[in-house]
């Protein structure tokens, strides 16, 4: 017997993806996750989180989460994407 579950896909990036502007200023970009191409379309305000991270942090990581959407030729579309950006701080060296 199966139990109901929710599946969420989380992709982590540390580089600003090349995006193209589509309808209403939304930004569309693709990520290659081990050969699976994930197509993502976000509002300009959400994409701005990535551009600000690129400008303000020497190192950063972004977690892009959403639901697996319809299949594409090489992967799938990410539905209801959400972006969280974190500054990546270098680890302090341990003293002996």
N, C-alpha and C. Protein backbone atom coordinates (compact mmCIF):
# COMPACT_ATOMS: atom_id res chain seq x y z
N UNK A 1 0.84 -1.17 0.00
CA UNK A 1 0.00 0.00 0.00
C UNK A 1 0.89 1.24 0.00
N UNK A 2 0.57 2.20 -0.81
CA UNK A 2 1.40 3.40 -0.92
C UNK A 2 0.88 4.51 0.00
N UNK A 3 1.79 5.38 0.36
CA UNK A 3 1.48 6.53 1.20
C UNK A 3 1.67 7.78 0.36
N UNK A 4 0.77 8.73 0.50
CA UNK A 4 0.87 9.98 -0.26
C UNK A 4 2.13 10.74 0.14
N UNK A 5 2.80 11.31 -0.84
CA UNK A 5 4.03 12.06 -0.60
C UNK A 5 4.12 13.21 -1.58
N UNK A 6 4.88 14.23 -1.21
CA UNK A 6 5.16 15.34 -2.11
C UNK A 6 6.59 15.22 -2.56
N UNK A 7 6.82 15.46 -3.83
CA UNK A 7 8.18 15.42 -4.36
C UNK A 7 8.59 16.83 -4.71
N UNK A 8 9.77 17.21 -4.25
CA UNK A 8 10.31 18.52 -4.57
C UNK A 8 11.72 18.33 -5.11
N UNK A 9 12.03 19.03 -6.16
CA UNK A 9 13.35 18.98 -6.76
C UNK A 9 14.13 20.20 -6.28
N UNK A 10 15.38 20.00 -5.83
CA UNK A 10 16.22 21.11 -5.41
C UNK A 10 17.51 21.07 -6.24
N UNK A 11 17.80 22.17 -6.91
CA UNK A 11 19.01 22.30 -7.70
C UNK A 11 19.88 23.37 -7.04
N UNK A 12 21.16 23.11 -6.93
CA UNK A 12 22.07 24.08 -6.32
C UNK A 12 23.05 24.57 -7.37
N UNK A 13 23.20 25.89 -7.42
CA UNK A 13 24.13 26.50 -8.37
C UNK A 13 25.00 27.53 -7.65
N UNK A 14 26.16 27.82 -8.24
CA UNK A 14 27.02 28.86 -7.68
C UNK A 14 27.55 29.78 -8.78
N UNK A 15 26.91 29.72 -9.94
CA UNK A 15 27.23 30.61 -11.06
C UNK A 15 25.93 31.20 -11.58
N UNK A 16 26.01 32.41 -12.09
CA UNK A 16 24.84 33.06 -12.65
C UNK A 16 24.53 32.44 -14.02
N UNK A 17 23.33 31.86 -14.19
CA UNK A 17 23.00 31.27 -15.49
C UNK A 17 22.67 32.34 -16.52
N UNK A 18 22.92 32.02 -17.78
CA UNK A 18 22.53 32.92 -18.86
C UNK A 18 21.03 32.79 -19.04
N UNK A 19 20.34 33.92 -18.99
CA UNK A 19 18.89 33.89 -19.09
C UNK A 19 18.43 34.71 -20.28
N UNK A 20 17.26 34.35 -20.79
CA UNK A 20 16.64 35.14 -21.85
C UNK A 20 15.33 35.70 -21.30
N UNK A 21 15.02 36.92 -21.71
CA UNK A 21 13.79 37.56 -21.26
C UNK A 21 12.65 37.06 -22.13
N UNK A 22 11.58 36.61 -21.47
CA UNK A 22 10.40 36.14 -22.19
C UNK A 22 9.24 37.05 -21.81
N UNK A 23 8.03 36.59 -22.04
CA UNK A 23 6.82 37.39 -21.82
C UNK A 23 6.79 38.06 -20.44
N UNK A 24 6.39 39.33 -20.41
CA UNK A 24 6.24 40.13 -19.19
C UNK A 24 7.53 40.31 -18.41
N UNK A 25 8.68 40.21 -19.07
CA UNK A 25 9.96 40.43 -18.40
C UNK A 25 10.46 39.23 -17.61
N UNK A 26 9.74 38.12 -17.64
CA UNK A 26 10.17 36.93 -16.92
C UNK A 26 11.49 36.43 -17.52
N UNK A 27 12.29 35.77 -16.71
CA UNK A 27 13.59 35.26 -17.14
C UNK A 27 13.53 33.75 -17.27
N UNK A 28 14.02 33.25 -18.39
CA UNK A 28 14.03 31.81 -18.64
C UNK A 28 15.48 31.36 -18.78
N UNK A 29 15.83 30.28 -18.06
CA UNK A 29 17.18 29.74 -18.18
C UNK A 29 17.13 28.23 -17.99
N UNK A 30 18.22 27.58 -18.35
CA UNK A 30 18.30 26.13 -18.24
C UNK A 30 19.51 25.75 -17.40
N UNK A 31 19.34 24.69 -16.64
CA UNK A 31 20.43 24.14 -15.84
C UNK A 31 20.66 22.70 -16.28
N UNK A 32 21.92 22.30 -16.35
CA UNK A 32 22.28 20.93 -16.72
C UNK A 32 22.63 20.18 -15.44
N UNK A 33 21.77 19.27 -15.05
CA UNK A 33 21.99 18.48 -13.84
C UNK A 33 22.35 17.06 -14.26
N UNK A 34 23.65 16.82 -14.41
CA UNK A 34 24.16 15.50 -14.80
C UNK A 34 23.49 14.98 -16.07
N UNK A 35 23.38 15.85 -17.06
CA UNK A 35 22.81 15.47 -18.35
C UNK A 35 21.31 15.67 -18.48
N UNK A 36 20.65 15.99 -17.39
CA UNK A 36 19.21 16.28 -17.44
C UNK A 36 19.05 17.79 -17.47
N UNK A 37 18.43 18.30 -18.52
CA UNK A 37 18.26 19.74 -18.68
C UNK A 37 16.96 20.17 -18.00
N UNK A 38 17.10 21.07 -17.03
CA UNK A 38 15.95 21.57 -16.29
C UNK A 38 15.66 22.99 -16.76
N UNK A 39 14.47 23.22 -17.30
CA UNK A 39 14.06 24.53 -17.80
C UNK A 39 13.32 25.27 -16.70
N UNK A 40 13.75 26.52 -16.44
CA UNK A 40 13.18 27.29 -15.34
C UNK A 40 12.80 28.67 -15.85
N UNK A 41 11.60 29.13 -15.49
CA UNK A 41 11.14 30.46 -15.82
C UNK A 41 10.68 31.13 -14.53
N UNK A 42 11.27 32.31 -14.25
CA UNK A 42 10.96 33.01 -12.99
C UNK A 42 10.65 34.48 -13.25
N UNK A 43 9.98 35.09 -12.26
CA UNK A 43 9.69 36.52 -12.32
C UNK A 43 11.00 37.29 -12.22
N UNK A 44 11.05 38.51 -12.77
CA UNK A 44 12.27 39.31 -12.71
C UNK A 44 12.77 39.52 -11.28
N UNK A 45 11.85 39.72 -10.35
CA UNK A 45 12.23 39.95 -8.95
C UNK A 45 12.98 38.73 -8.38
N UNK A 46 12.55 37.53 -8.75
CA UNK A 46 13.19 36.32 -8.26
C UNK A 46 14.57 36.14 -8.90
N UNK A 47 14.68 36.45 -10.19
CA UNK A 47 15.97 36.31 -10.87
C UNK A 47 16.96 37.34 -10.33
N UNK A 48 16.44 38.47 -9.87
CA UNK A 48 17.30 39.52 -9.32
C UNK A 48 18.08 39.03 -8.10
N UNK A 49 17.53 38.06 -7.35
CA UNK A 49 18.25 37.48 -6.22
C UNK A 49 19.58 36.89 -6.70
N UNK A 50 19.56 36.25 -7.86
CA UNK A 50 20.79 35.66 -8.40
C UNK A 50 21.77 36.73 -8.86
N UNK A 51 21.27 37.76 -9.55
CA UNK A 51 22.18 38.80 -10.03
C UNK A 51 22.78 39.59 -8.87
N UNK A 52 21.99 39.81 -7.81
CA UNK A 52 22.52 40.52 -6.64
C UNK A 52 23.57 39.68 -5.93
N UNK A 53 23.38 38.38 -5.86
CA UNK A 53 24.37 37.50 -5.24
C UNK A 53 25.68 37.58 -6.02
N UNK A 54 25.58 37.58 -7.34
CA UNK A 54 26.77 37.66 -8.19
C UNK A 54 27.52 38.97 -7.95
N UNK A 55 26.78 40.06 -7.75
CA UNK A 55 27.38 41.38 -7.55
C UNK A 55 27.93 41.57 -6.14
N UNK A 56 27.24 41.02 -5.13
CA UNK A 56 27.54 41.36 -3.74
C UNK A 56 28.40 40.35 -2.99
N UNK A 57 28.46 39.11 -3.44
CA UNK A 57 29.20 38.09 -2.70
C UNK A 57 30.34 37.53 -3.54
N UNK A 58 31.52 37.37 -2.95
CA UNK A 58 32.61 36.74 -3.70
C UNK A 58 32.30 35.28 -4.02
N UNK A 59 31.64 34.59 -3.08
CA UNK A 59 31.19 33.22 -3.32
C UNK A 59 29.77 33.09 -2.78
N UNK A 60 28.95 32.38 -3.51
CA UNK A 60 27.55 32.21 -3.10
C UNK A 60 27.03 30.89 -3.63
N UNK A 61 25.90 30.47 -3.09
CA UNK A 61 25.22 29.28 -3.58
C UNK A 61 23.72 29.59 -3.56
N UNK A 62 23.03 29.13 -4.58
CA UNK A 62 21.58 29.32 -4.66
C UNK A 62 20.91 27.95 -4.72
N UNK A 63 19.83 27.82 -3.98
CA UNK A 63 19.01 26.62 -4.01
C UNK A 63 17.73 26.97 -4.76
N UNK A 64 17.50 26.28 -5.85
CA UNK A 64 16.30 26.50 -6.66
C UNK A 64 15.43 25.26 -6.49
N UNK A 65 14.27 25.45 -5.87
CA UNK A 65 13.39 24.32 -5.56
C UNK A 65 12.07 24.47 -6.30
N UNK A 66 11.46 23.35 -6.62
CA UNK A 66 10.16 23.37 -7.27
C UNK A 66 9.68 21.95 -7.54
N UNK A 67 8.57 21.88 -8.24
CA UNK A 67 7.99 20.58 -8.58
C UNK A 67 8.41 20.19 -9.99
N UNK A 68 8.55 18.89 -10.19
CA UNK A 68 8.89 18.40 -11.51
C UNK A 68 7.67 18.59 -12.41
N UNK A 69 7.87 19.34 -13.49
CA UNK A 69 6.78 19.62 -14.42
C UNK A 69 6.82 18.71 -15.62
N UNK A 70 6.27 19.20 -16.72
CA UNK A 70 6.18 18.37 -17.92
C UNK A 70 7.55 18.06 -18.49
N UNK A 71 7.64 16.90 -19.11
CA UNK A 71 8.89 16.46 -19.72
C UNK A 71 9.21 17.29 -20.95
N UNK A 72 10.50 17.48 -21.18
CA UNK A 72 10.97 18.13 -22.40
C UNK A 72 11.84 17.12 -23.14
N UNK A 73 12.40 17.53 -24.25
CA UNK A 73 13.21 16.62 -25.05
C UNK A 73 14.40 16.06 -24.26
N UNK A 74 15.04 16.92 -23.45
CA UNK A 74 16.25 16.51 -22.73
C UNK A 74 16.10 16.50 -21.21
N UNK A 75 14.90 16.74 -20.69
CA UNK A 75 14.73 16.81 -19.25
C UNK A 75 13.30 17.15 -18.87
N UNK A 76 13.14 18.24 -18.09
CA UNK A 76 11.80 18.64 -17.66
C UNK A 76 11.77 20.11 -17.28
N UNK A 77 10.55 20.64 -17.14
CA UNK A 77 10.35 22.01 -16.68
C UNK A 77 10.17 21.98 -15.17
N UNK A 78 10.74 22.98 -14.49
CA UNK A 78 10.55 23.10 -13.05
C UNK A 78 9.36 24.01 -12.81
N UNK A 79 8.34 23.47 -12.14
CA UNK A 79 7.12 24.23 -11.87
C UNK A 79 7.20 24.87 -10.49
N UNK A 80 6.59 26.02 -10.34
CA UNK A 80 6.53 26.78 -9.09
C UNK A 80 7.91 26.94 -8.46
N UNK A 81 8.89 27.45 -9.24
CA UNK A 81 10.25 27.57 -8.70
C UNK A 81 10.36 28.62 -7.60
N UNK A 82 11.24 28.36 -6.67
CA UNK A 82 11.56 29.30 -5.61
C UNK A 82 13.08 29.34 -5.48
N UNK A 83 13.63 30.53 -5.29
CA UNK A 83 15.08 30.68 -5.22
C UNK A 83 15.48 31.23 -3.86
N UNK A 84 16.44 30.58 -3.24
CA UNK A 84 17.05 31.08 -2.01
C UNK A 84 18.55 31.20 -2.28
N UNK A 85 19.13 32.34 -1.87
CA UNK A 85 20.56 32.58 -2.10
C UNK A 85 21.26 32.72 -0.77
N UNK A 86 22.44 32.12 -0.69
CA UNK A 86 23.23 32.17 0.54
C UNK A 86 24.66 32.58 0.19
N UNK A 87 25.23 33.44 1.03
CA UNK A 87 26.65 33.77 0.87
C UNK A 87 27.45 32.57 1.34
N UNK A 88 28.45 32.21 0.56
CA UNK A 88 29.30 31.07 0.91
C UNK A 88 30.58 31.64 1.50
N UNK A 89 30.77 31.39 2.78
CA UNK A 89 31.95 31.92 3.46
C UNK A 89 33.02 30.85 3.49
N UNK A 90 34.27 31.26 3.24
CA UNK A 90 35.36 30.28 3.28
C UNK A 90 35.49 29.69 4.69
N UNK A 91 35.76 28.40 4.74
CA UNK A 91 35.91 27.75 6.04
C UNK A 91 37.22 28.18 6.68
N UNK A 92 37.16 28.44 7.96
CA UNK A 92 38.36 28.83 8.69
C UNK A 92 39.27 27.60 8.84
N UNK A 93 40.54 27.83 8.66
CA UNK A 93 41.49 26.73 8.79
C UNK A 93 41.63 26.38 10.26
N UNK A 94 41.67 25.08 10.53
CA UNK A 94 41.80 24.63 11.91
C UNK A 94 43.27 24.74 12.33
N UNK A 95 43.47 25.27 13.51
CA UNK A 95 44.85 25.36 14.01
C UNK A 95 45.14 24.10 14.84
N UNK A 96 46.35 23.61 14.69
CA UNK A 96 46.71 22.35 15.37
C UNK A 96 47.12 22.56 16.80
